Amino acid sequence: MARSSICFAECPKKTGLPREVVKWLQTLDLAFYPKNVRRDFSSGYLVAQIFSHYYPRDFSLHSYDRGTSLSAKQWNWSQIERSLEKRNLYLKKEAIDGTIHCKPGAAELLVLEVYTILTKGRVSDVEGPEPDFTDEEYQNLLPSLARSTASKAIKNNLTATEIKAAPDISTNQRKAENILRRHLEHKAAERILNPGRFKVKPKRSHPAPHNLVPQSQMDKCSDTCSPEGNTLKLWSSPAWSRASVSFKEIKVRQPAKHSLVNY
């Protein structure tokens, strides 16, 4: 029992990276294995260590900080960018910023870029559009009742380090407005797909489902329609007194206490 528990404790967690990239990382003599890709690659120290195996003269690990503060992350990534620029190699600025602020999907995309640059290979099992570094994919997996509210969406997609790195109020306000606009668009689409949950009432221009004339009655009346005025008389259940059906419009008259409603 003790041996099995030790093996289970040492098993790496799911990294979110393709199998061939995981095997490539295991061949490198890294300081520690990245069990949490979003957290472990944010400081930039592991990325510098990966590049040091291929370009040891350009990447001296003693000049990199192993800390996790925002200043340590910015210092490490600035050195990485300067060292890569000497060899005309570049990483996407959006992926670097997203990795620093632990955005969803940013670290995975950056590791794939590093793998492509160093091995000249391409990952075959990566499909789909490029991630937008938001929690939209995760929110779509949740049921409707468990999804984030507007305030929670802003908190999830606008991190504290991101605000600290760019303390400009107008910039952060625009970011929050974009997150809120995307959240409201998803809510509007959800109201259309699931109107029962939001208790959406039909508009006056659209007939309510319980007021529609049954299709069986429409089929019976199609044979008895008057060719002169294109109208016919319907006698339905006792709840309805009379219905005048036309090819252009349907006028339903409810009991005397209700007014005439056009559908």
C-alpha atoms as a PDB file:
ATOM      1  CA  MET A   1       0.000   0.000   0.000  1.00  0.00           C
ATOM      2  CA  ALA A   2       2.786   2.407   0.831  1.00  0.00           C
ATOM      3  CA  ARG A   3       4.513   1.821  -2.479  1.00  0.00           C
ATOM      4  CA  SER A   4       1.326   2.421  -4.494  1.00  0.00           C
ATOM      5  CA  SER A   5       0.576   5.638  -2.596  1.00  0.00           C
ATOM      6  CA  ILE A   6       4.080   6.956  -3.267  1.00  0.00           C
ATOM      7  CA  CYS A   7       3.736   6.235  -6.988  1.00  0.00           C
ATOM      8  CA  PHE A   8       0.386   7.990  -7.099  1.00  0.00           C
ATOM      9  CA  ALA A   9       1.820  11.059  -5.352  1.00  0.00           C
ATOM     10  CA  GLU A  10       4.632  11.335  -7.896  1.00  0.00           C
ATOM     11  CA  CYS A  11       2.390  11.048 -10.952  1.00  0.00           C
ATOM     12  CA  PRO A  12       2.368  14.361 -12.846  1.00  0.00           C
ATOM     13  CA  LYS A  13      -0.899  16.204 -13.226  1.00  0.00           C
ATOM     14  CA  LYS A  14      -2.505  16.939 -16.580  1.00  0.00           C
ATOM     15  CA  THR A  15      -0.461  19.619 -18.309  1.00  0.00           C
ATOM     16  CA  GLY A  16      -2.737  20.498 -21.206  1.00  0.00           C
ATOM     17  CA  LEU A  17       0.125  20.034 -23.694  1.00  0.00           C
ATOM     18  CA  PRO A  18       0.340  17.566 -26.606  1.00  0.00           C
ATOM     19  CA  ARG A  19       2.013  14.239 -25.920  1.00  0.00           C
ATOM     20  CA  GLU A  20       5.040  14.914 -28.131  1.00  0.00           C
ATOM     21  CA  VAL A  21       5.709  18.231 -26.378  1.00  0.00           C
ATOM     22  CA  VAL A  22       5.463  16.548 -22.968  1.00  0.00           C
ATOM     23  CA  LYS A  23       7.961  13.883 -24.075  1.00  0.00           C
ATOM     24  CA  TRP A  24      10.279  16.622 -25.348  1.00  0.00           C
ATOM     25  CA  LEU A  25      10.144  18.440 -21.986  1.00  0.00           C
ATOM     26  CA  GLN A  26      10.936  15.187 -20.168  1.00  0.00           C
ATOM     27  CA  THR A  27      14.153  14.770 -22.182  1.00  0.00           C
ATOM     28  CA  LEU A  28      15.425  18.131 -20.918  1.00  0.00           C
ATOM     29  CA  ASP A  29      17.184  18.350 -17.578  1.00  0.00           C
ATOM     30  CA  LEU A  30      14.861  20.977 -16.090  1.00  0.00           C
ATOM     31  CA  ALA A  31      15.062  22.241 -12.509  1.00  0.00           C
ATOM     32  CA  PHE A  32      11.560  20.871 -11.891  1.00  0.00           C
ATOM     33  CA  TYR A  33       8.894  19.263 -14.019  1.00  0.00           C
ATOM     34  CA  PRO A  34       6.048  21.657 -14.919  1.00  0.00           C
ATOM     35  CA  LYS A  35       2.986  20.063 -13.330  1.00  0.00           C
ATOM     36  CA  ASN A  36       0.933  23.263 -13.646  1.00  0.00           C
ATOM     37  CA  VAL A  37       1.827  24.839 -16.981  1.00  0.00           C
ATOM     38  CA  ARG A  38       0.023  28.110 -16.326  1.00  0.00           C
ATOM     39  CA  ARG A  39       1.755  28.664 -12.998  1.00  0.00           C
ATOM     40  CA  ASP A  40       5.215  27.145 -13.583  1.00  0.00           C
ATOM     41  CA  PHE A  41       5.955  28.934 -16.870  1.00  0.00           C
ATOM     42  CA  SER A  42       4.697  32.363 -15.784  1.00  0.00           C
ATOM     43  CA  SER A  43       7.999  33.434 -14.210  1.00  0.00           C
ATOM     44  CA  GLY A  44       9.968  32.685 -17.371  1.00  0.00           C
ATOM     45  CA  TYR A  45      12.712  30.785 -15.537  1.00  0.00           C
ATOM     46  CA  LEU A  46      11.801  27.425 -17.089  1.00  0.00           C
ATOM     47  CA  VAL A  47      11.659  28.993 -20.555  1.00  0.00           C
ATOM     48  CA  ALA A  48      15.152  30.433 -20.051  1.00  0.00           C
ATOM     49  CA  GLN A  49      16.383  27.036 -18.893  1.00  0.00           C
ATOM     50  CA  ILE A  50      14.920  25.378 -22.007  1.00  0.00           C
ATOM     51  CA  PHE A  51      16.661  27.880 -24.291  1.00  0.00           C
ATOM     52  CA  SER A  52      19.921  27.470 -22.340  1.00  0.00           C
ATOM     53  CA  HIS A  53      20.115  23.834 -23.500  1.00  0.00           C
ATOM     54  CA  TYR A  54      20.236  25.019 -27.123  1.00  0.00           C
ATOM     55  CA  TYR A  55      21.979  28.408 -26.703  1.00  0.00           C
ATOM     56  CA  PRO A  56      24.074  28.170 -23.506  1.00  0.00           C
ATOM     57  CA  ARG A  57      26.113  31.281 -24.294  1.00  0.00           C
ATOM     58  CA  ASP A  58      23.087  33.530 -24.705  1.00  0.00           C
ATOM     59  CA  PHE A  59      21.131  32.299 -21.682  1.00  0.00           C
ATOM     60  CA  SER A  60      23.020  32.347 -18.389  1.00  0.00           C
ATOM     61  CA  LEU A  61      20.725  30.979 -15.721  1.00  0.00           C
ATOM     62  CA  HIS A  62      22.493  32.769 -12.866  1.00  0.00           C
ATOM     63  CA  SER A  63      21.132  36.080 -14.201  1.00  0.00           C
ATOM     64  CA  TYR A  64      17.501  34.961 -13.981  1.00  0.00           C
ATOM     65  CA  ASP A  65      15.306  35.268 -10.917  1.00  0.00           C
ATOM     66  CA  ARG A  66      13.387  32.217  -9.702  1.00  0.00           C
ATOM     67  CA  GLY A  67      10.878  34.364  -7.827  1.00  0.00           C
ATOM     68  CA  THR A  68       7.186  34.657  -8.617  1.00  0.00           C
ATOM     69  CA  SER A  69       6.650  38.386  -8.078  1.00  0.00           C
ATOM     70  CA  LEU A  70       5.558  40.597 -10.946  1.00  0.00           C
ATOM     71  CA  SER A  71       8.887  42.433 -11.034  1.00  0.00           C
ATOM     72  CA  ALA A  72      10.802  39.121 -11.219  1.00  0.00           C
ATOM     73  CA  LYS A  73       8.585  37.901 -14.067  1.00  0.00           C
ATOM     74  CA  GLN A  74       8.999  41.115 -16.051  1.00  0.00           C
ATOM     75  CA  TRP A  75      12.777  41.072 -15.542  1.00  0.00           C
ATOM     76  CA  ASN A  76      13.107  37.459 -16.711  1.00  0.00           C
ATOM     77  CA  TRP A  77      10.954  37.907 -19.787  1.00  0.00           C
ATOM     78  CA  SER A  78      12.726  41.115 -20.805  1.00  0.00           C
ATOM     79  CA  GLN A  79      16.047  39.241 -20.731  1.00  0.00           C
ATOM     80  CA  ILE A  80      14.578  36.352 -22.718  1.00  0.00           C
ATOM     81  CA  GLU A  81      13.296  38.715 -25.401  1.00  0.00           C
ATOM     82  CA  ARG A  82      16.658  40.503 -25.667  1.00  0.00           C
ATOM     83  CA  SER A  83      18.554  37.208 -25.956  1.00  0.00           C
ATOM     84  CA  LEU A  84      16.186  35.903 -28.626  1.00  0.00           C
ATOM     85  CA  GLU A  85      16.405  39.136 -30.572  1.00  0.00           C
ATOM     86  CA  LYS A  86      20.145  38.605 -31.001  1.00  0.00           C
ATOM     87  CA  ARG A  87      19.364  35.440 -32.954  1.00  0.00           C
ATOM     88  CA  ASN A  88      16.401  36.963 -34.812  1.00  0.00           C
ATOM     89  CA  LEU A  89      13.966  34.802 -32.872  1.00  0.00           C
ATOM     90  CA  TYR A  90      10.730  36.232 -31.534  1.00  0.00           C
ATOM     91  CA  LEU A  91       7.841  35.079 -29.393  1.00  0.00           C
ATOM     92  CA  LYS A  92       4.361  36.520 -29.606  1.00  0.00           C
ATOM     93  CA  LYS A  93       3.966  39.489 -27.287  1.00  0.00           C
ATOM     94  CA  GLU A  94       0.361  38.517 -26.523  1.00  0.00           C
ATOM     95  CA  ALA A  95       1.452  35.027 -25.469  1.00  0.00           C
ATOM     96  CA  ILE A  96       4.183  36.435 -23.213  1.00  0.00           C
ATOM     97  CA  ASP A  97       1.829  38.890 -21.507  1.00  0.00           C
ATOM     98  CA  GLY A  98      -0.806  36.191 -21.093  1.00  0.00           C
ATOM     99  CA  THR A  99       1.761  33.824 -19.576  1.00  0.00           C
ATOM    100  CA  ILE A 100       2.952  36.462 -17.108  1.00  0.00           C
ATOM    101  CA  HIS A 101      -0.608  37.093 -15.930  1.00  0.00           C
ATOM    102  CA  CYS A 102      -1.556  33.351 -15.975  1.00  0.00           C
ATOM    103  CA  LYS A 103      -4.237  33.750 -18.639  1.00  0.00           C
ATOM    104  CA  PRO A 104      -5.993  30.550 -19.786  1.00  0.00           C
ATOM    105  CA  GLY A 105      -4.263  28.978 -22.791  1.00  0.00           C
ATOM    106  CA  ALA A 106      -1.400  31.498 -22.961  1.00  0.00           C
ATOM    107  CA  ALA A 107       1.339  29.322 -21.430  1.00  0.00           C
ATOM    108  CA  GLU A 108       0.342  26.341 -23.584  1.00  0.00           C
ATOM    109  CA  LEU A 109       0.561  28.427 -26.747  1.00  0.00           C
ATOM    110  CA  LEU A 110       3.935  29.847 -25.712  1.00  0.00           C
ATOM    111  CA  VAL A 111       5.396  26.396 -25.005  1.00  0.00           C
ATOM    112  CA  LEU A 112       4.229  25.256 -28.442  1.00  0.00           C
ATOM    113  CA  GLU A 113       6.008  28.256 -29.978  1.00  0.00           C
ATOM    114  CA  VAL A 114       9.206  27.410 -28.121  1.00  0.00           C
ATOM    115  CA  TYR A 115       8.923  23.781 -29.249  1.00  0.00           C
ATOM    116  CA  THR A 116       8.475  24.868 -32.880  1.00  0.00           C
ATOM    117  CA  ILE A 117      11.426  27.269 -32.757  1.00  0.00           C
ATOM    118  CA  LEU A 118      13.888  24.850 -31.148  1.00  0.00           C
ATOM    119  CA  THR A 119      12.923  21.561 -32.808  1.00  0.00           C
ATOM    120  CA  LYS A 120      11.732  22.900 -36.192  1.00  0.00           C
ATOM    121  CA  GLY A 121       8.766  20.589 -35.816  1.00  0.00           C
ATOM    122  CA  ARG A 122       5.047  21.144 -35.822  1.00  0.00           C
ATOM    123  CA  VAL A 123       2.514  19.664 -33.457  1.00  0.00           C
ATOM    124  CA  SER A 124       0.071  17.531 -35.434  1.00  0.00           C
ATOM    125  CA  ASP A 125      -2.749  17.079 -32.903  1.00  0.00           C
ATOM    126  CA  VAL A 126      -3.381  20.763 -32.231  1.00  0.00           C
ATOM    127  CA  GLU A 127      -6.614  21.847 -33.883  1.00  0.00           C
ATOM    128  CA  GLY A 128      -9.118  24.663 -33.525  1.00  0.00           C
ATOM    129  CA  PRO A 129      -8.825  28.453 -33.504  1.00  0.00           C
ATOM    130  CA  GLU A 130      -6.134  30.301 -31.623  1.00  0.00           C
ATOM    131  CA  PRO A 131      -7.141  30.860 -27.975  1.00  0.00           C
ATOM    132  CA  ASP A 132      -8.191  34.335 -26.872  1.00  0.00           C
ATOM    133  CA  PHE A 133      -6.770  33.890 -23.330  1.00  0.00           C
ATOM    134  CA  THR A 134     -10.171  34.040 -21.627  1.00  0.00           C
ATOM    135  CA  ASP A 135     -12.189  31.520 -19.628  1.00  0.00           C
ATOM    136  CA  GLU A 136     -14.848  31.265 -22.353  1.00  0.00           C
ATOM    137  CA  GLU A 137     -14.042  27.636 -23.145  1.00  0.00           C
ATOM    138  CA  TYR A 138     -14.292  26.672 -19.482  1.00  0.00           C
ATOM    139  CA  GLN A 139     -17.557  28.577 -19.023  1.00  0.00           C
ATOM    140  CA  ASN A 140     -19.116  26.755 -21.978  1.00  0.00           C
ATOM    141  CA  LEU A 141     -18.463  23.437 -20.254  1.00  0.00           C
ATOM    142  CA  LEU A 142     -20.430  24.491 -17.168  1.00  0.00           C
ATOM    143  CA  PRO A 143     -24.211  24.311 -16.797  1.00  0.00           C
ATOM    144  CA  SER A 144     -26.099  27.572 -17.099  1.00  0.00           C
ATOM    145  CA  LEU A 145     -26.614  28.016 -13.370  1.00  0.00           C
ATOM    146  CA  ALA A 146     -22.887  27.565 -12.602  1.00  0.00           C
ATOM    147  CA  ARG A 147     -21.542  30.112 -15.093  1.00  0.00           C
ATOM    148  CA  SER A 148     -19.963  33.362 -14.011  1.00  0.00           C
ATOM    149  CA  THR A 149     -21.868  36.548 -13.364  1.00  0.00           C
ATOM    150  CA  ALA A 150     -20.765  39.869 -14.861  1.00  0.00           C
ATOM    151  CA  SER A 151     -18.602  40.807 -11.857  1.00  0.00           C
ATOM    152  CA  LYS A 152     -17.091  37.320 -11.698  1.00  0.00           C
ATOM    153  CA  ALA A 153     -16.284  37.416 -15.422  1.00  0.00           C
ATOM    154  CA  ILE A 154     -14.344  40.666 -14.960  1.00  0.00           C
ATOM    155  CA  LYS A 155     -12.511  39.218 -11.954  1.00  0.00           C
ATOM    156  CA  ASN A 156     -11.550  36.036 -13.832  1.00  0.00           C
ATOM    157  CA  ASN A 157     -10.347  37.752 -17.019  1.00  0.00           C
ATOM    158  CA  LEU A 158      -8.717  40.875 -15.556  1.00  0.00           C
ATOM    159  CA  THR A 159      -6.063  39.737 -13.086  1.00  0.00           C
ATOM    160  CA  ALA A 160      -4.512  41.805 -10.312  1.00  0.00           C
ATOM    161  CA  THR A 161      -1.038  41.549 -11.862  1.00  0.00           C
ATOM    162  CA  GLU A 162      -2.438  42.814 -15.154  1.00  0.00           C
ATOM    163  CA  ILE A 163      -3.829  45.903 -13.422  1.00  0.00           C
ATOM    164  CA  LYS A 164      -0.579  46.382 -11.526  1.00  0.00           C
ATOM    165  CA  ALA A 165       1.519  46.104 -14.690  1.00  0.00           C
ATOM    166  CA  ALA A 166      -0.563  48.767 -16.465  1.00  0.00           C
ATOM    167  CA  PRO A 167      -2.105  50.996 -13.754  1.00  0.00           C
ATOM    168  CA  ASP A 168      -3.686  53.329 -16.301  1.00  0.00           C
ATOM    169  CA  ILE A 169      -7.358  53.727 -15.357  1.00  0.00           C
ATOM    170  CA  SER A 170      -8.647  54.262 -18.897  1.00  0.00           C
ATOM    171  CA  THR A 171      -6.807  51.177 -20.216  1.00  0.00           C
ATOM    172  CA  ASN A 172      -8.172  48.921 -17.495  1.00  0.00           C
ATOM    173  CA  GLN A 173     -11.621  50.437 -17.947  1.00  0.00           C
ATOM    174  CA  ARG A 174     -11.596  49.539 -21.647  1.00  0.00           C
ATOM    175  CA  LYS A 175     -10.530  45.995 -20.792  1.00  0.00           C
ATOM    176  CA  ALA A 176     -13.350  45.679 -18.270  1.00  0.00           C
ATOM    177  CA  GLU A 177     -15.855  47.069 -20.778  1.00  0.00           C
ATOM    178  CA  ASN A 178     -14.751  44.535 -23.404  1.00  0.00           C
ATOM    179  CA  ILE A 179     -15.131  41.675 -20.912  1.00  0.00           C
ATOM    180  CA  LEU A 180     -18.564  42.942 -19.879  1.00  0.00           C
ATOM    181  CA  ARG A 181     -19.684  43.349 -23.498  1.00  0.00           C
ATOM    182  CA  ARG A 182     -18.599  39.780 -24.339  1.00  0.00           C
ATOM    183  CA  HIS A 183     -20.395  38.505 -21.235  1.00  0.00           C
ATOM    184  CA  LEU A 184     -23.625  40.291 -22.182  1.00  0.00           C
ATOM    185  CA  GLU A 185     -23.422  38.927 -25.728  1.00  0.00           C
ATOM    186  CA  HIS A 186     -23.166  35.377 -24.376  1.00  0.00           C
ATOM    187  CA  LYS A 187     -26.100  36.018 -22.052  1.00  0.00           C
ATOM    188  CA  ALA A 188     -28.212  37.338 -24.926  1.00  0.00           C
ATOM    189  CA  ALA A 189     -27.412  34.252 -27.006  1.00  0.00           C
ATOM    190  CA  GLU A 190     -28.278  32.037 -24.044  1.00  0.00           C
ATOM    191  CA  ARG A 191     -31.648  33.772 -23.617  1.00  0.00           C
ATOM    192  CA  ILE A 192     -32.473  32.912 -27.217  1.00  0.00           C
ATOM    193  CA  LEU A 193     -31.398  29.271 -26.883  1.00  0.00           C
ATOM    194  CA  ASN A 194     -33.019  28.737 -23.486  1.00  0.00           C
ATOM    195  CA  PRO A 195     -35.920  31.198 -23.048  1.00  0.00           C
ATOM    196  CA  GLY A 196     -37.632  29.080 -20.383  1.00  0.00           C
ATOM    197  CA  ARG A 197     -34.843  29.588 -17.869  1.00  0.00           C
ATOM    198  CA  PHE A 198     -34.969  33.364 -18.195  1.00  0.00           C
ATOM    199  CA  LYS A 199     -38.814  33.478 -18.338  1.00  0.00           C
ATOM    200  CA  VAL A 200     -38.764  35.336 -21.639  1.00  0.00           C
ATOM    201  CA  LYS A 201     -42.284  36.372 -22.624  1.00  0.00           C
ATOM    202  CA  PRO A 202     -43.241  36.392 -26.322  1.00  0.00           C
ATOM    203  CA  LYS A 203     -43.767  39.731 -27.997  1.00  0.00           C
ATOM    204  CA  ARG A 204     -47.201  40.875 -29.161  1.00  0.00           C
ATOM    205  CA  SER A 205     -46.098  40.476 -32.753  1.00  0.00           C
ATOM    206  CA  HIS A 206     -45.402  36.753 -32.203  1.00  0.00           C
ATOM    207  CA  PRO A 207     -48.142  34.315 -31.196  1.00  0.00           C
ATOM    208  CA  ALA A 208     -47.768  32.548 -27.895  1.00  0.00           C
ATOM    209  CA  PRO A 209     -47.434  28.751 -28.149  1.00  0.00           C
ATOM    210  CA  HIS A 210     -50.734  28.105 -26.297  1.00  0.00           C
ATOM    211  CA  ASN A 211     -52.684  30.468 -28.601  1.00  0.00           C
ATOM    212  CA  LEU A 212     -51.668  28.857 -31.856  1.00  0.00           C
ATOM    213  CA  VAL A 213     -54.405  27.111 -33.877  1.00  0.00           C
ATOM    214  CA  PRO A 214     -53.665  23.343 -33.990  1.00  0.00           C
ATOM    215  CA  GLN A 215     -52.323  22.053 -37.273  1.00  0.00           C
ATOM    216  CA  SER A 216     -55.052  19.391 -37.407  1.00  0.00           C
ATOM    217  CA  GLN A 217     -57.746  22.083 -37.475  1.00  0.00           C
ATOM    218  CA  MET A 218     -55.845  23.997 -40.139  1.00  0.00           C
ATOM    219  CA  ASP A 219     -55.729  20.861 -42.301  1.00  0.00           C
ATOM    220  CA  LYS A 220     -59.486  20.255 -41.894  1.00  0.00           C
ATOM    221  CA  CYS A 221     -60.350  23.832 -42.751  1.00  0.00           C
ATOM    222  CA  SER A 222     -58.165  23.922 -45.856  1.00  0.00           C
ATOM    223  CA  ASP A 223     -60.833  21.855 -47.673  1.00  0.00           C
ATOM    224  CA  THR A 224     -63.792  24.055 -46.627  1.00  0.00           C
ATOM    225  CA  CYS A 225     -62.210  27.435 -47.316  1.00  0.00           C
ATOM    226  CA  SER A 226     -64.391  29.884 -49.199  1.00  0.00           C
ATOM    227  CA  PRO A 227     -62.839  30.718 -52.576  1.00  0.00           C
ATOM    228  CA  GLU A 228     -64.464  34.151 -52.647  1.00  0.00           C
ATOM    229  CA  GLY A 229     -63.080  35.846 -49.543  1.00  0.00           C
ATOM    230  CA  ASN A 230     -60.356  33.353 -48.687  1.00  0.00           C
ATOM    231  CA  THR A 231     -61.860  33.055 -45.178  1.00  0.00           C
ATOM    232  CA  LEU A 232     -63.424  30.238 -43.191  1.00  0.00           C
ATOM    233  CA  LYS A 233     -65.241  29.655 -39.885  1.00  0.00           C
ATOM    234  CA  LEU A 234     -63.749  27.568 -37.101  1.00  0.00           C
ATOM    235  CA  TRP A 235     -65.530  26.165 -34.055  1.00  0.00           C
ATOM    236  CA  SER A 236     -62.948  24.958 -31.536  1.00  0.00           C
ATOM    237  CA  SER A 237     -63.045  24.069 -27.847  1.00  0.00           C
ATOM    238  CA  PRO A 238     -65.464  25.805 -25.433  1.00  0.00           C
ATOM    239  CA  ALA A 239     -62.650  28.120 -24.354  1.00  0.00           C
ATOM    240  CA  TRP A 240     -62.882  29.781 -27.737  1.00  0.00           C
ATOM    241  CA  SER A 241     -66.106  31.296 -29.007  1.00  0.00           C
ATOM    242  CA  ARG A 242     -65.146  31.823 -32.618  1.00  0.00           C
ATOM    243  CA  ALA A 243     -62.066  31.987 -34.816  1.00  0.00           C
ATOM    244  CA  SER A 244     -61.868  33.631 -38.222  1.00  0.00           C
ATOM    245  CA  VAL A 245     -58.920  32.273 -40.160  1.00  0.00           C
ATOM    246  CA  SER A 246     -57.491  33.985 -43.221  1.00  0.00           C
ATOM    247  CA  PHE A 247     -54.598  33.168 -45.466  1.00  0.00           C
ATOM    248  CA  LYS A 248     -52.970  36.475 -44.553  1.00  0.00           C
ATOM    249  CA  GLU A 249     -53.802  36.747 -40.833  1.00  0.00           C
ATOM    250  CA  ILE A 250     -55.442  34.815 -38.025  1.00  0.00           C
ATOM    251  CA  LYS A 251     -57.899  36.673 -35.782  1.00  0.00           C
ATOM    252  CA  VAL A 252     -58.833  34.896 -32.561  1.00  0.00           C
ATOM    253  CA  ARG A 253     -61.746  36.065 -30.423  1.00  0.00           C
ATOM    254  CA  GLN A 254     -61.619  34.891 -26.826  1.00  0.00           C
ATOM    255  CA  PRO A 255     -64.582  34.960 -24.365  1.00  0.00           C
ATOM    256  CA  ALA A 256     -66.381  38.230 -23.773  1.00  0.00           C
ATOM    257  CA  LYS A 257     -64.192  39.389 -20.910  1.00  0.00           C
ATOM    258  CA  HIS A 258     -61.107  39.435 -23.199  1.00  0.00           C
ATOM    259  CA  SER A 259     -60.425  41.933 -25.919  1.00  0.00           C
ATOM    260  CA  LEU A 260     -59.686  41.067 -29.548  1.00  0.00           C
ATOM    261  CA  VAL A 261     -56.044  40.029 -30.095  1.00  0.00           C
ATOM    262  CA  ASN A 262     -54.418  39.984 -33.531  1.00  0.00           C
ATOM    263  CA  TYR A 263     -51.843  37.328 -34.304  1.00  0.00           C
END
